Amino acid sequence: MTRSTQTILEEALRLNPVERAELIEELFHSFDKSPDDRIDACWGKEVESRIDAYDAGHIKADSAEAAFERINKR
């Protein structure tokens, strides 16, 4: 950890619990921001399309256990 990062951490630890939680949330969400809103819009359409296909019975869903089992076999 760099000195400046350590300084920021020390200052953050002096915040009250609510402020620390808000800071954590903002930092966490900073990883989820797309540099291009069009990408987010495309993923949103894809998700809706998959939900519609599932609701219409065109595709089936696997359990989380089955999905993780397939992932772990690789």
Protein backbone atom coordinates (compact mmCIF):
# COMPACT_ATOMS: atom_id res chain seq x y z
CA MET A 1 0.00 0.00 0.00
CA THR A 2 1.39 3.37 -0.94
CA ARG A 3 1.87 6.10 1.64
CA SER A 4 -0.98 8.16 0.20
CA THR A 5 -3.29 5.14 0.24
CA GLN A 6 -2.33 4.46 3.86
CA THR A 7 -3.10 8.09 4.74
CA ILE A 8 -6.51 7.86 3.06
CA LEU A 9 -7.24 4.63 4.93
CA GLU A 10 -6.30 6.17 8.27
CA GLU A 11 -8.57 9.14 7.58
CA ALA A 12 -11.41 6.85 6.46
CA LEU A 13 -11.14 4.82 9.65
CA ARG A 14 -11.77 8.00 11.65
CA LEU A 15 -15.19 8.43 9.99
CA ASN A 16 -18.31 7.32 11.80
CA PRO A 17 -19.75 3.93 10.78
CA VAL A 18 -22.42 5.40 8.49
CA GLU A 19 -19.90 7.54 6.64
CA ARG A 20 -17.55 4.56 6.27
CA ALA A 21 -20.39 2.45 4.88
CA GLU A 22 -21.27 5.19 2.38
CA LEU A 23 -17.60 5.45 1.35
CA ILE A 24 -17.37 1.69 0.91
CA GLU A 25 -20.50 1.70 -1.23
CA GLU A 26 -19.18 4.50 -3.45
CA LEU A 27 -15.81 2.78 -3.87
CA PHE A 28 -17.48 -0.53 -4.64
CA HIS A 29 -19.76 1.02 -7.25
CA SER A 30 -16.82 2.79 -8.86
CA PHE A 31 -15.70 -0.61 -10.19
CA ASP A 32 -19.07 -1.13 -11.87
CA LYS A 33 -19.16 1.98 -14.04
CA SER A 34 -18.89 1.46 -17.74
CA PRO A 35 -16.94 4.05 -19.69
CA ASP A 36 -19.63 3.80 -22.35
CA ASP A 37 -23.31 3.96 -21.39
CA ARG A 38 -24.18 2.23 -24.68
CA ILE A 39 -22.57 -0.96 -23.34
CA ASP A 40 -24.81 -0.85 -20.27
CA ALA A 41 -27.85 -0.28 -22.49
CA CYS A 42 -26.92 -3.28 -24.66
CA TRP A 43 -26.47 -5.51 -21.62
CA GLY A 44 -29.82 -4.31 -20.28
CA LYS A 45 -31.53 -5.32 -23.53
CA GLU A 46 -29.77 -8.70 -23.46
CA VAL A 47 -30.90 -9.36 -19.90
CA GLU A 48 -34.49 -8.44 -20.72
CA SER A 49 -34.36 -10.67 -23.80
CA ARG A 50 -33.15 -13.62 -21.74
CA ILE A 51 -35.81 -13.06 -19.08
CA ASP A 52 -38.52 -12.91 -21.77
CA ALA A 53 -37.19 -16.14 -23.37
CA TYR A 54 -37.19 -17.87 -19.98
CA ASP A 55 -40.71 -16.65 -19.16
CA ALA A 56 -41.92 -17.89 -22.58
CA GLY A 57 -40.37 -21.31 -21.97
CA HIS A 58 -37.81 -20.99 -24.77
CA ILE A 59 -34.85 -21.48 -22.44
CA LYS A 60 -34.37 -23.26 -19.13
CA ALA A 61 -32.40 -22.21 -16.09
CA ASP A 62 -29.84 -24.29 -14.24
CA SER A 63 -29.34 -24.26 -10.52
CA ALA A 64 -26.42 -22.29 -9.14
CA GLU A 65 -24.87 -25.57 -8.04
CA ALA A 66 -24.95 -26.95 -11.60
CA ALA A 67 -23.46 -23.75 -13.00
CA PHE A 68 -20.62 -23.74 -10.47
CA GLU A 69 -19.98 -27.41 -11.11
CA ARG A 70 -19.51 -26.69 -14.83
CA ILE A 71 -17.22 -23.76 -14.06
CA ASN A 72 -15.10 -25.78 -11.64
CA LYS A 73 -14.58 -28.58 -14.18
CA ARG A 74 -12.60 -26.23 -16.42
